[in-house]
PDB file of N, CA and C in Angstrom:
ATOM      1  N   TYR A   1      54.524  98.906 127.007  1.00  0.00           N
ATOM      2  CA  TYR A   1      55.910  98.619 126.704  1.00  0.00           C
ATOM      3  C   TYR A   1      56.860  99.567 127.433  1.00  0.00           C
ATOM      4  N   ILE A   2      56.386 100.746 127.813  1.00  0.00           N
ATOM      5  CA  ILE A   2      57.234 101.692 128.553  1.00  0.00           C
ATOM      6  C   ILE A   2      57.643 101.080 129.894  1.00  0.00           C
ATOM      7  N   ASP A   3      56.708 100.465 130.602  1.00  0.00           N
ATOM      8  CA  ASP A   3      57.034  99.822 131.881  1.00  0.00           C
ATOM      9  C   ASP A   3      58.047  98.702 131.679  1.00  0.00           C
ATOM     10  N   TRP A   4      57.870  97.929 130.615  1.00  0.00           N
ATOM     11  CA  TRP A   4      58.803  96.849 130.319  1.00  0.00           C
ATOM     12  C   TRP A   4      60.199  97.411 130.061  1.00  0.00           C
ATOM     13  N   MET A   5      60.274  98.493 129.290  1.00  0.00           N
ATOM     14  CA  MET A   5      61.571  99.102 128.981  1.00  0.00           C
ATOM     15  C   MET A   5      62.240  99.639 130.241  1.00  0.00           C
ATOM     16  N   ARG A   6      61.469 100.200 131.138  1.00  0.00           N
ATOM     17  CA  ARG A   6      62.043 100.740 132.388  1.00  0.00           C
ATOM     18  C   ARG A   6      62.633  99.649 133.267  1.00  0.00           C
ATOM     19  N   GLN A   7      62.168  98.419 133.095  1.00  0.00           N
ATOM     20  CA  GLN A   7      62.665  97.304 133.898  1.00  0.00           C
ATOM     21  C   GLN A   7      63.930  96.667 133.322  1.00  0.00           C
ATOM     22  N   LEU A   8      64.286  97.023 132.105  1.00  0.00           N
ATOM     23  CA  LEU A   8      65.472  96.445 131.486  1.00  0.00           C
ATOM     24  C   LEU A   8      66.743  96.916 132.182  1.00  0.00           C
ATOM     25  N   LYS A   9      67.758  96.077 132.157  1.00  0.00           N
ATOM     26  CA  LYS A   9      69.066  96.473 132.680  1.00  0.00           C
ATOM     27  C   LYS A   9      69.619  97.588 131.810  1.00  0.00           C
ATOM     28  N   ARG A  10      70.346  98.503 132.391  1.00  0.00           N
ATOM     29  CA  ARG A  10      70.923  99.626 131.651  1.00  0.00           C
ATOM     30  C   ARG A  10      72.180  99.216 130.892  1.00  0.00           C
ATOM     31  N   TYR A  11      72.817  98.137 131.329  1.00  0.00           N
ATOM     32  CA  TYR A  11      74.006  97.623 130.641  1.00  0.00           C
ATOM     33  C   TYR A  11      74.109  96.135 130.931  1.00  0.00           C
ATOM     34  N   ILE A  12      74.873  95.458 130.102  1.00  0.00           N
ATOM     35  CA  ILE A  12      75.177  94.048 130.327  1.00  0.00           C
ATOM     36  C   ILE A  12      76.688  93.916 130.257  1.00  0.00           C
ATOM     37  N   GLU A  13      77.238  93.275 131.242  1.00  0.00           N
ATOM     38  CA  GLU A  13      78.681  93.038 131.282  1.00  0.00           C
ATOM     39  C   GLU A  13      78.918  91.538 131.158  1.00  0.00           C
ATOM     40  N   ILE A  14      79.647  91.161 130.120  1.00  0.00           N
ATOM     41  CA  ILE A  14      80.026  89.768 129.910  1.00  0.00           C
ATOM     42  C   ILE A  14      81.534  89.756 129.664  1.00  0.00           C
ATOM     43  N   PRO A  15      82.175  88.603 129.773  1.00  0.00           N
ATOM     44  CA  PRO A  15      83.630  88.587 129.592  1.00  0.00           C
ATOM     45  C   PRO A  15      84.057  89.262 128.288  1.00  0.00           C
ATOM     46  N   GLY A  16      84.869  90.276 128.411  1.00  0.00           N
ATOM     47  CA  GLY A  16      85.431  90.972 127.262  1.00  0.00           C
ATOM     48  C   GLY A  16      84.602  92.129 126.741  1.00  0.00           C
ATOM     49  N   TYR A  17      83.370  92.282 127.241  1.00  0.00           N
ATOM     50  CA  TYR A  17      82.465  93.288 126.685  1.00  0.00           C
ATOM     51  C   TYR A  17      81.630  93.982 127.757  1.00  0.00           C
ATOM     52  N   ILE A  18      81.272  95.226 127.432  1.00  0.00           N
ATOM     53  CA  ILE A  18      80.200  95.937 128.123  1.00  0.00           C
ATOM     54  C   ILE A  18      79.245  96.365 127.019  1.00  0.00           C
ATOM     55  N   LEU A  19      77.985  95.949 127.104  1.00  0.00           N
ATOM     56  CA  LEU A  19      76.970  96.265 126.113  1.00  0.00           C
ATOM     57  C   LEU A  19      76.039  97.302 126.724  1.00  0.00           C
ATOM     58  N   VAL A  20      75.891  98.430 126.046  1.00  0.00           N
ATOM     59  CA  VAL A  20      75.109  99.537 126.591  1.00  0.00           C
ATOM     60  C   VAL A  20      74.492 100.310 125.430  1.00  0.00           C
ATOM     61  N   HIS A  21      73.343 100.916 125.664  1.00  0.00           N
ATOM     62  CA  HIS A  21      72.654 101.628 124.589  1.00  0.00           C
ATOM     63  C   HIS A  21      73.482 102.789 124.043  1.00  0.00           C
ATOM     64  N   ALA A  22      73.838 103.752 124.900  1.00  0.00           N
ATOM     65  CA  ALA A  22      74.500 104.973 124.420  1.00  0.00           C
ATOM     66  C   ALA A  22      75.977 105.029 124.785  1.00  0.00           C
ATOM     67  N   GLY A  23      76.324 104.674 125.992  1.00  0.00           N
ATOM     68  CA  GLY A  23      77.713 104.755 126.435  1.00  0.00           C
ATOM     69  C   GLY A  23      77.786 104.870 127.935  1.00  0.00           C
ATOM     70  N   LEU A  24      78.954 105.211 128.428  1.00  0.00           N
ATOM     71  CA  LEU A  24      79.185 105.336 129.867  1.00  0.00           C
ATOM     72  C   LEU A  24      79.753 106.709 130.184  1.00  0.00           C
ATOM     73  N   ASN A  25      79.400 107.209 131.350  1.00  0.00           N
ATOM     74  CA  ASN A  25      79.886 108.506 131.801  1.00  0.00           C
ATOM     75  C   ASN A  25      81.149 108.301 132.630  1.00  0.00           C
ATOM     76  N   PHE A  26      82.295 108.494 132.011  1.00  0.00           N
ATOM     77  CA  PHE A  26      83.567 108.306 132.705  1.00  0.00           C
ATOM     78  C   PHE A  26      83.950 109.509 133.555  1.00  0.00           C
ATOM     79  N   LYS A  27      83.138 110.540 133.562  1.00  0.00           N
ATOM     80  CA  LYS A  27      83.354 111.659 134.470  1.00  0.00           C
ATOM     81  C   LYS A  27      82.802 111.334 135.852  1.00  0.00           C
ATOM     82  N   ALA A  28      81.918 110.342 135.936  1.00  0.00           N
ATOM     83  CA  ALA A  28      81.380 109.882 137.216  1.00  0.00           C
ATOM     84  C   ALA A  28      82.416 108.979 137.881  1.00  0.00           C
ATOM     85  N   PRO A  29      82.463 108.943 139.210  1.00  0.00           N
ATOM     86  CA  PRO A  29      83.426 108.077 139.905  1.00  0.00           C
ATOM     87  C   PRO A  29      83.294 106.605 139.496  1.00  0.00           C
ATOM     88  N   ASP A  30      82.058 106.151 139.283  1.00  0.00           N
ATOM     89  CA  ASP A  30      81.797 104.793 138.810  1.00  0.00           C
ATOM     90  C   ASP A  30      80.941 104.919 137.557  1.00  0.00           C
ATOM     91  N   PRO A  31      81.457 104.609 136.380  1.00  0.00           N
ATOM     92  CA  PRO A  31      80.689 104.755 135.142  1.00  0.00           C
ATOM     93  C   PRO A  31      79.357 104.003 135.131  1.00  0.00           C
ATOM     94  N   PHE A  32      79.246 102.938 135.946  1.00  0.00           N
ATOM     95  CA  PHE A  32      77.997 102.190 136.027  1.00  0.00           C
ATOM     96  C   PHE A  32      76.963 102.870 136.927  1.00  0.00           C
ATOM     97  N   SER A  33      77.343 103.941 137.603  1.00  0.00           N
ATOM     98  CA  SER A  33      76.446 104.584 138.567  1.00  0.00           C
ATOM     99  C   SER A  33      75.603 105.702 137.956  1.00  0.00           C
ATOM    100  N   HIS A  34      75.690 105.903 136.664  1.00  0.00           N
ATOM    101  CA  HIS A  34      74.973 107.011 136.029  1.00  0.00           C
ATOM    102  C   HIS A  34      74.061 106.467 134.922  1.00  0.00           C
ATOM    103  N   PRO A  35      72.879 105.914 135.301  1.00  0.00           N
ATOM    104  CA  PRO A  35      72.017 105.249 134.315  1.00  0.00           C
ATOM    105  C   PRO A  35      71.497 106.169 133.214  1.00  0.00           C
ATOM    106  N   GLU A  36      71.300 107.436 133.489  1.00  0.00           N
ATOM    107  CA  GLU A  36      70.810 108.342 132.452  1.00  0.00           C
ATOM    108  C   GLU A  36      71.810 108.451 131.299  1.00  0.00           C
ATOM    109  N   SER A  37      73.092 108.473 131.629  1.00  0.00           N
ATOM    110  CA  SER A  37      74.118 108.532 130.580  1.00  0.00           C
ATOM    111  C   SER A  37      74.097 107.292 129.703  1.00  0.00           C
ATOM    112  N   MET A  38      73.781 106.150 130.288  1.00  0.00           N
ATOM    113  CA  MET A  38      73.756 104.915 129.516  1.00  0.00           C
ATOM    114  C   MET A  38      72.702 104.967 128.413  1.00  0.00           C
ATOM    115  N   ILE A  39      71.733 105.844 128.563  1.00  0.00           N
ATOM    116  CA  ILE A  39      70.667 105.980 127.577  1.00  0.00           C
ATOM    117  C   ILE A  39      70.901 107.162 126.642  1.00  0.00           C
ATOM    118  N   TRP A  40      71.488 108.259 127.140  1.00  0.00           N
ATOM    119  CA  TRP A  40      71.508 109.515 126.391  1.00  0.00           C
ATOM    120  C   TRP A  40      72.878 110.069 126.021  1.00  0.00           C
ATOM    121  N   ILE A  41      73.953 109.608 126.620  1.00  0.00           N
ATOM    122  CA  ILE A  41      75.253 110.269 126.435  1.00  0.00           C
ATOM    123  C   ILE A  41      75.718 110.227 124.975  1.00  0.00           C
ATOM    124  N   ARG A  42      76.387 111.277 124.570  1.00  0.00           N
ATOM    125  CA  ARG A  42      77.056 111.361 123.259  1.00  0.00           C
ATOM    126  C   ARG A  42      78.436 111.996 123.491  1.00  0.00           C
ATOM    127  N   ASP A  43      79.334 111.817 122.549  1.00  0.00           N
ATOM    128  CA  ASP A  43      80.661 112.457 122.601  1.00  0.00           C
ATOM    129  C   ASP A  43      81.394 112.171 123.919  1.00  0.00           C
ATOM    130  N   TRP A  44      81.561 110.920 124.231  1.00  0.00           N
ATOM    131  CA  TRP A  44      82.171 110.530 125.494  1.00  0.00           C
ATOM    132  C   TRP A  44      83.492 109.770 125.327  1.00  0.00           C
ATOM    133  N   TYR A  45      83.898 109.499 124.102  1.00  0.00           N
ATOM    134  CA  TYR A  45      85.098 108.686 123.866  1.00  0.00           C
ATOM    135  C   TYR A  45      86.358 109.276 124.496  1.00  0.00           C
ATOM    136  N   GLU A  46      86.508 110.580 124.450  1.00  0.00           N
ATOM    137  CA  GLU A  46      87.728 111.197 124.989  1.00  0.00           C
ATOM    138  C   GLU A  46      87.843 111.045 126.503  1.00  0.00           C
ATOM    139  N   ASP A  47      86.737 110.740 127.177  1.00  0.00           N
ATOM    140  CA  ASP A  47      86.736 110.610 128.630  1.00  0.00           C
ATOM    141  C   ASP A  47      86.955 109.180 129.104  1.00  0.00           C
ATOM    142  N   ILE A  48      87.060 108.228 128.186  1.00  0.00           N
ATOM    143  CA  ILE A  48      87.164 106.823 128.590  1.00  0.00           C
ATOM    144  C   ILE A  48      88.404 106.600 129.453  1.00  0.00           C
ATOM    145  N   ASN A  49      88.182 105.951 130.588  1.00  0.00           N
ATOM    146  CA  ASN A  49      89.261 105.590 131.499  1.00  0.00           C
ATOM    147  C   ASN A  49      89.707 104.170 131.136  1.00  0.00           C
ATOM    148  N   ARG A  50      90.779 104.088 130.386  1.00  0.00           N
ATOM    149  CA  ARG A  50      91.243 102.785 129.886  1.00  0.00           C
ATOM    150  C   ARG A  50      91.725 101.883 131.014  1.00  0.00           C
ATOM    151  N   ASP A  51      92.224 102.460 132.094  1.00  0.00           N
ATOM    152  CA  ASP A  51      92.630 101.631 133.238  1.00  0.00           C
ATOM    153  C   ASP A  51      91.410 100.940 133.845  1.00  0.00           C
ATOM    154  N   TRP A  52      90.307 101.684 134.011  1.00  0.00           N
ATOM    155  CA  TRP A  52      89.074 101.123 134.559  1.00  0.00           C
ATOM    156  C   TRP A  52      88.501 100.080 133.592  1.00  0.00           C
ATOM    157  N   LEU A  53      88.539 100.375 132.298  1.00  0.00           N
ATOM    158  CA  LEU A  53      87.939  99.510 131.284  1.00  0.00           C
ATOM    159  C   LEU A  53      88.720  98.212 131.100  1.00  0.00           C
ATOM    160  N   GLY A  54      90.024  98.283 131.223  1.00  0.00           N
ATOM    161  CA  GLY A  54      90.849  97.093 131.012  1.00  0.00           C
ATOM    162  C   GLY A  54      90.787  96.641 129.572  1.00  0.00           C
ATOM    163  N   ASP A  55      90.668  95.333 129.361  1.00  0.00           N
ATOM    164  CA  ASP A  55      90.650  94.794 127.995  1.00  0.00           C
ATOM    165  C   ASP A  55      89.231  94.624 127.446  1.00  0.00           C
ATOM    166  N   ARG A  56      88.241  95.189 128.137  1.00  0.00           N
ATOM    167  CA  ARG A  56      86.852  95.079 127.668  1.00  0.00           C
ATOM    168  C   ARG A  56      86.587  96.066 126.530  1.00  0.00           C
ATOM    169  N   LEU A  57      85.681  95.684 125.649  1.00  0.00           N
ATOM    170  CA  LEU A  57      85.234  96.541 124.559  1.00  0.00           C
ATOM    171  C   LEU A  57      83.808  96.973 124.872  1.00  0.00           C
ATOM    172  N   ILE A  58      83.536  98.264 124.787  1.00  0.00           N
ATOM    173  CA  ILE A  58      82.183  98.782 124.957  1.00  0.00           C
ATOM    174  C   ILE A  58      81.509  98.751 123.593  1.00  0.00           C
ATOM    175  N   VAL A  59      80.392  98.049 123.485  1.00  0.00           N
ATOM    176  CA  VAL A  59      79.609  98.000 122.259  1.00  0.00           C
ATOM    177  C   VAL A  59      78.332  98.785 122.527  1.00  0.00           C
ATOM    178  N   HIS A  60      78.076  99.785 121.685  1.00  0.00           N
ATOM    179  CA  HIS A  60      76.950 100.686 121.937  1.00  0.00           C
ATOM    180  C   HIS A  60      76.362 101.192 120.637  1.00  0.00           C
ATOM    181  N   GLY A  61      75.275 101.916 120.762  1.00  0.00           N
ATOM    182  CA  GLY A  61      74.624 102.559 119.625  1.00  0.00           C
ATOM    183  C   GLY A  61      74.311 103.995 119.990  1.00  0.00           C
ATOM    184  N   HIS A  62      73.106 104.446 119.677  1.00  0.00           N
ATOM    185  CA  HIS A  62      72.544 105.749 120.026  1.00  0.00           C
ATOM    186  C   HIS A  62      73.031 106.903 119.170  1.00  0.00           C
ATOM    187  N   THR A  63      74.221 106.828 118.623  1.00  0.00           N
ATOM    188  CA  THR A  63      74.753 107.905 117.794  1.00  0.00           C
ATOM    189  C   THR A  63      74.979 107.356 116.387  1.00  0.00           C
ATOM    190  N   PRO A  64      74.047 107.643 115.458  1.00  0.00           N
ATOM    191  CA  PRO A  64      74.192 107.092 114.103  1.00  0.00           C
ATOM    192  C   PRO A  64      75.504 107.518 113.443  1.00  0.00           C
ATOM    193  N   MET A  65      76.127 106.539 112.809  1.00  0.00           N
ATOM    194  CA  MET A  65      77.375 106.781 112.088  1.00  0.00           C
ATOM    195  C   MET A  65      77.265 106.134 110.710  1.00  0.00           C
ATOM    196  N   PRO A  66      77.925 106.699 109.714  1.00  0.00           N
ATOM    197  CA  PRO A  66      77.903 106.078 108.388  1.00  0.00           C
ATOM    198  C   PRO A  66      78.596 104.707 108.403  1.00  0.00           C
ATOM    199  N   MET A  67      78.089 103.803 107.608  1.00  0.00           N
ATOM    200  CA  MET A  67      78.627 102.443 107.567  1.00  0.00           C
ATOM    201  C   MET A  67      80.146 102.397 107.353  1.00  0.00           C
ATOM    202  N   PRO A  68      80.732 103.184 106.434  1.00  0.00           N
ATOM    203  CA  PRO A  68      82.191 103.109 106.267  1.00  0.00           C
ATOM    204  C   PRO A  68      82.961 103.473 107.547  1.00  0.00           C
ATOM    205  N   LEU A  69      82.427 104.403 108.337  1.00  0.00           N
ATOM    206  CA  LEU A  69      83.094 104.776 109.585  1.00  0.00           C
ATOM    207  C   LEU A  69      82.977 103.661 110.617  1.00  0.00           C
ATOM    208  N   ILE A  70      81.822 103.022 110.697  1.00  0.00           N
ATOM    209  CA  ILE A  70      81.659 101.887 111.611  1.00  0.00           C
ATOM    210  C   ILE A  70      82.634 100.779 111.239  1.00  0.00           C
ATOM    211  N   LYS A  71      82.739 100.493 109.952  1.00  0.00           N
ATOM    212  CA  LYS A  71      83.669  99.455 109.490  1.00  0.00           C
ATOM    213  C   LYS A  71      85.114  99.828 109.785  1.00  0.00           C
ATOM    214  N   ALA A  72      85.469 101.096 109.597  1.00  0.00           N
ATOM    215  CA  ALA A  72      86.837 101.552 109.877  1.00  0.00           C
ATOM    216  C   ALA A  72      87.145 101.448 111.363  1.00  0.00           C
ATOM    217  N   MET A  73      86.180 101.844 112.203  1.00  0.00           N
ATOM    218  CA  MET A  73      86.376 101.715 113.649  1.00  0.00           C
ATOM    219  C   MET A  73      86.602 100.256 114.019  1.00  0.00           C
ATOM    220  N   PHE A  74      85.809  99.372 113.440  1.00  0.00           N
ATOM    221  CA  PHE A  74      85.906  97.957 113.752  1.00  0.00           C
ATOM    222  C   PHE A  74      87.258  97.388 113.329  1.00  0.00           C
ATOM    223  N   LYS A  75      87.752  97.853 112.206  1.00  0.00           N
ATOM    224  CA  LYS A  75      89.052  97.394 111.716  1.00  0.00           C
ATOM    225  C   LYS A  75      90.145  97.659 112.747  1.00  0.00           C
ATOM    226  N   HIS A  76      89.956  98.730 113.515  1.00  0.00           N
ATOM    227  CA  HIS A  76      90.946  99.124 114.525  1.00  0.00           C
ATOM    228  C   HIS A  76      90.438  98.871 115.941  1.00  0.00           C
ATOM    229  N   HIS A  77      89.442  97.989 116.095  1.00  0.00           N
ATOM    230  CA  HIS A  77      88.837  97.815 117.407  1.00  0.00           C
ATOM    231  C   HIS A  77      89.805  97.271 118.447  1.00  0.00           C
ATOM    232  N   GLN A  78      90.885  96.639 118.022  1.00  0.00           N
ATOM    233  CA  GLN A  78      91.879  96.182 118.999  1.00  0.00           C
ATOM    234  C   GLN A  78      92.510  97.374 119.720  1.00  0.00           C
ATOM    235  N   LYS A  79      92.557  98.518 119.030  1.00  0.00           N
ATOM    236  CA  LYS A  79      93.170  99.709 119.610  1.00  0.00           C
ATOM    237  C   LYS A  79      92.133 100.637 120.230  1.00  0.00           C
ATOM    238  N   LEU A  80      90.873 100.476 119.841  1.00  0.00           N
ATOM    239  CA  LEU A  80      89.815 101.352 120.331  1.00  0.00           C
ATOM    240  C   LEU A  80      89.061 100.685 121.476  1.00  0.00           C
ATOM    241  N   PRO A  81      88.659 101.467 122.473  1.00  0.00           N
ATOM    242  CA  PRO A  81      87.962 100.886 123.622  1.00  0.00           C
ATOM    243  C   PRO A  81      86.449 100.761 123.428  1.00  0.00           C
ATOM    244  N   ALA A  82      85.904 101.289 122.323  1.00  0.00           N
ATOM    245  CA  ALA A  82      84.454 101.260 122.129  1.00  0.00           C
ATOM    246  C   ALA A  82      84.139 101.075 120.646  1.00  0.00           C
ATOM    247  N   GLN A  83      82.982 100.443 120.386  1.00  0.00           N
ATOM    248  CA  GLN A  83      82.518 100.231 119.019  1.00  0.00           C
ATOM    249  C   GLN A  83      81.072 100.675 118.928  1.00  0.00           C
ATOM    250  N   ASP A  84      80.817 101.709 118.131  1.00  0.00           N
ATOM    251  CA  ASP A  84      79.462 102.173 117.859  1.00  0.00           C
ATOM    252  C   ASP A  84      78.900 101.313 116.730  1.00  0.00           C
ATOM    253  N   ILE A  85      77.703 100.749 116.932  1.00  0.00           N
ATOM    254  CA  ILE A  85      77.092  99.926 115.886  1.00  0.00           C
ATOM    255  C   ILE A  85      75.771 100.528 115.398  1.00  0.00           C
ATOM    256  N   ASP A  86      75.561 101.818 115.631  1.00  0.00           N
ATOM    257  CA  ASP A  86      74.334 102.481 115.171  1.00  0.00           C
ATOM    258  C   ASP A  86      74.564 103.025 113.765  1.00  0.00           C
ATOM    259  N   CYS A  87      73.975 102.360 112.788  1.00  0.00           N
ATOM    260  CA  CYS A  87      74.141 102.752 111.390  1.00  0.00           C
ATOM    261  C   CYS A  87      72.880 103.446 110.863  1.00  0.00           C
ATOM    262  N   GLY A  88      72.119 104.055 111.764  1.00  0.00           N
ATOM    263  CA  GLY A  88      70.970 104.854 111.355  1.00  0.00           C
ATOM    264  C   GLY A  88      69.907 104.077 110.615  1.00  0.00           C
ATOM    265  N   ALA A  89      69.481 102.944 111.162  1.00  0.00           N
ATOM    266  CA  ALA A  89      68.495 102.100 110.484  1.00  0.00           C
ATOM    267  C   ALA A  89      67.217 102.852 110.133  1.00  0.00           C
ATOM    268  N   ALA A  90      66.854 103.846 110.929  1.00  0.00           N
ATOM    269  CA  ALA A  90      65.612 104.587 110.685  1.00  0.00           C
ATOM    270  C   ALA A  90      65.802 105.770 109.734  1.00  0.00           C
ATOM    271  N   LEU A  91      67.034 106.029 109.338  1.00  0.00           N
ATOM    272  CA  LEU A  91      67.303 107.150 108.430  1.00  0.00           C
ATOM    273  C   LEU A  91      67.094 106.671 107.002  1.00  0.00           C
ATOM    274  N   ASN A  92      65.842 106.607 106.601  1.00  0.00           N
ATOM    275  CA  ASN A  92      65.447 105.998 105.332  1.00  0.00           C
ATOM    276  C   ASN A  92      66.295 106.414 104.149  1.00  0.00           C
ATOM    277  N   HIS A  93      67.083 105.487 103.693  1.00  0.00           N
ATOM    278  CA  HIS A  93      67.792 105.566 102.422  1.00  0.00           C
ATOM    279  C   HIS A  93      68.704 106.791 102.280  1.00  0.00           C
ATOM    280  N   GLN A  94      69.315 107.198 103.379  1.00  0.00           N
ATOM    281  CA  GLN A  94      70.344 108.232 103.304  1.00  0.00           C
ATOM    282  C   GLN A  94      71.673 107.529 103.054  1.00  0.00           C
ATOM    283  N   SER A  95      72.487 108.111 102.254  1.00  0.00           N
ATOM    284  CA  SER A  95      73.748 107.504 101.863  1.00  0.00           C
ATOM    285  C   SER A  95      74.554 107.051 103.081  1.00  0.00           C
ATOM    286  N   PHE A  96      74.972 105.794 103.063  1.00  0.00           N
ATOM    287  CA  PHE A  96      75.793 105.162 104.095  1.00  0.00           C
ATOM    288  C   PHE A  96      75.089 104.988 105.439  1.00  0.00           C
ATOM    289  N   PHE A  97      73.809 105.333 105.525  1.00  0.00           N
ATOM    290  CA  PHE A  97      73.023 105.049 106.724  1.00  0.00           C
ATOM    291  C   PHE A  97      71.967 104.018 106.324  1.00  0.00           C
ATOM    292  N   SER A  98      70.846 104.018 106.996  1.00  0.00           N
ATOM    293  CA  SER A  98      69.700 103.188 106.614  1.00  0.00           C
ATOM    294  C   SER A  98      70.008 101.682 106.670  1.00  0.00           C
ATOM    295  N   HIS A  99      70.857 101.290 107.614  1.00  0.00           N
ATOM    296  CA  HIS A  99      71.155  99.877 107.828  1.00  0.00           C
ATOM    297  C   HIS A  99      71.036  99.571 109.330  1.00  0.00           C
ATOM    298  N   LEU A 100      70.668  98.349 109.620  1.00  0.00           N
ATOM    299  CA  LEU A 100      70.745  97.836 110.977  1.00  0.00           C
ATOM    300  C   LEU A 100      72.088  97.131 111.074  1.00  0.00           C
ATOM    301  N   CYS A 101      72.818  97.429 112.128  1.00  0.00           N
ATOM    302  CA  CYS A 101      74.126  96.804 112.326  1.00  0.00           C
ATOM    303  C   CYS A 101      74.075  95.971 113.599  1.00  0.00           C
ATOM    304  N   ALA A 102      74.610  94.781 113.520  1.00  0.00           N
ATOM    305  CA  ALA A 102      74.729  93.905 114.685  1.00  0.00           C
ATOM    306  C   ALA A 102      76.185  93.499 114.827  1.00  0.00           C
ATOM    307  N   PHE A 103      76.589  93.233 116.046  1.00  0.00           N
ATOM    308  CA  PHE A 103      77.949  92.773 116.318  1.00  0.00           C
ATOM    309  C   PHE A 103      77.859  91.349 116.839  1.00  0.00           C
ATOM    310  N   ASP A 104      78.374  90.418 116.084  1.00  0.00           N
ATOM    311  CA  ASP A 104      78.398  89.004 116.457  1.00  0.00           C
ATOM    312  C   ASP A 104      79.549  88.818 117.446  1.00  0.00           C
ATOM    313  N   LEU A 105      79.212  88.682 118.724  1.00  0.00           N
ATOM    314  CA  LEU A 105      80.234  88.581 119.768  1.00  0.00           C
ATOM    315  C   LEU A 105      81.052  87.305 119.649  1.00  0.00           C
ATOM    316  N   THR A 106      80.420  86.217 119.225  1.00  0.00           N
ATOM    317  CA  THR A 106      81.116  84.936 119.134  1.00  0.00           C
ATOM    318  C   THR A 106      82.203  84.966 118.068  1.00  0.00           C
ATOM    319  N   ASN A 107      81.868  85.481 116.895  1.00  0.00           N
ATOM    320  CA  ASN A 107      82.811  85.493 115.774  1.00  0.00           C
ATOM    321  C   ASN A 107      83.497  86.837 115.585  1.00  0.00           C
ATOM    322  N   ARG A 108      83.143  87.812 116.418  1.00  0.00           N
ATOM    323  CA  ARG A 108      83.702  89.162 116.353  1.00  0.00           C
ATOM    324  C   ARG A 108      83.587  89.731 114.940  1.00  0.00           C
ATOM    325  N   GLU A 109      82.341  89.733 114.446  1.00  0.00           N
ATOM    326  CA  GLU A 109      82.058  90.243 113.107  1.00  0.00           C
ATOM    327  C   GLU A 109      80.898  91.215 113.145  1.00  0.00           C
ATOM    328  N   LEU A 110      80.956  92.208 112.262  1.00  0.00           N
ATOM    329  CA  LEU A 110      79.830  93.108 112.064  1.00  0.00           C
ATOM    330  C   LEU A 110      78.917  92.529 110.992  1.00  0.00           C
ATOM    331  N   VAL A 111      77.613  92.691 111.181  1.00  0.00           N
ATOM    332  CA  VAL A 111      76.625  92.230 110.204  1.00  0.00           C
ATOM    333  C   VAL A 111      75.703  93.413 109.917  1.00  0.00           C
ATOM    334  N   PHE A 112      75.470  93.696 108.637  1.00  0.00           N
ATOM    335  CA  PHE A 112      74.622  94.817 108.241  1.00  0.00           C
ATOM    336  C   PHE A 112      73.412  94.312 107.468  1.00  0.00           C
ATOM    337  N   GLN A 113      72.254  94.905 107.756  1.00  0.00           N
ATOM    338  CA  GLN A 113      71.022  94.621 107.013  1.00  0.00           C
ATOM    339  C   GLN A 113      70.449  95.950 106.561  1.00  0.00           C
ATOM    340  N   GLU A 114      70.290  96.113 105.266  1.00  0.00           N
ATOM    341  CA  GLU A 114      69.738  97.344 104.732  1.00  0.00           C
ATOM    342  C   GLU A 114      68.265  97.499 105.130  1.00  0.00           C
ATOM    343  N   ASN A 115      67.851  98.715 105.404  1.00  0.00           N
ATOM    344  CA  ASN A 115      66.448  99.019 105.660  1.00  0.00           C
ATOM    345  C   ASN A 115      65.707  98.871 104.339  1.00  0.00           C
ATOM    346  N   VAL A 116      64.757  97.949 104.277  1.00  0.00           N
ATOM    347  CA  VAL A 116      64.038  97.693 103.034  1.00  0.00           C
ATOM    348  C   VAL A 116      62.636  98.298 103.024  1.00  0.00           C
ATOM    349  N   GLU A 117      62.314  99.079 104.058  1.00  0.00           N
ATOM    350  CA  GLU A 117      61.010  99.744 104.086  1.00  0.00           C
ATOM    351  C   GLU A 117      60.952 100.811 103.013  1.00  0.00           C
ATOM    352  N   ALA A 118      59.762 101.035 102.496  1.00  0.00           N
ATOM    353  CA  ALA A 118      59.568 102.080 101.491  1.00  0.00           C
ATOM    354  C   ALA A 118      59.796 103.443 102.113  1.00  0.00           C
ATOM    355  N   VAL A 119      60.355 104.355 101.347  1.00  0.00           N
ATOM    356  CA  VAL A 119      60.566 105.725 101.806  1.00  0.00           C
ATOM    357  C   VAL A 119      59.207 106.399 101.916  1.00  0.00           C
ATOM    358  N   THR A 120      58.976 107.065 103.048  1.00  0.00           N
ATOM    359  CA  THR A 120      57.690 107.747 103.243  1.00  0.00           C
ATOM    360  C   THR A 120      57.848 109.240 103.142  1.00  0.00           C
TER     361      THR A 120
END
């Protein structure tokens, strides 16, 4: 599966959206030219180049956030250039984490599924 993962695209760009695992490195001349950042970057929101981004929304994960914060960000997503949807699905039963979050692009809705695995 490691070989399969290495062959995956680092980002997907569709009308209105950029979908990426972790985020984009806006300190690079071309944010798409830094594939390592797309997998590992954190704390990059302050560097976002809104002129380059235009009206696109970056949807990403990699940095777990509590569900109320994800919902609050989404409420203001018209003003924000990025939406984190990582709700810490693997963080077994920690308050406001432990959910899988998906973003329905068609209906522009967040969907949450609680982690139902037993705590180990």
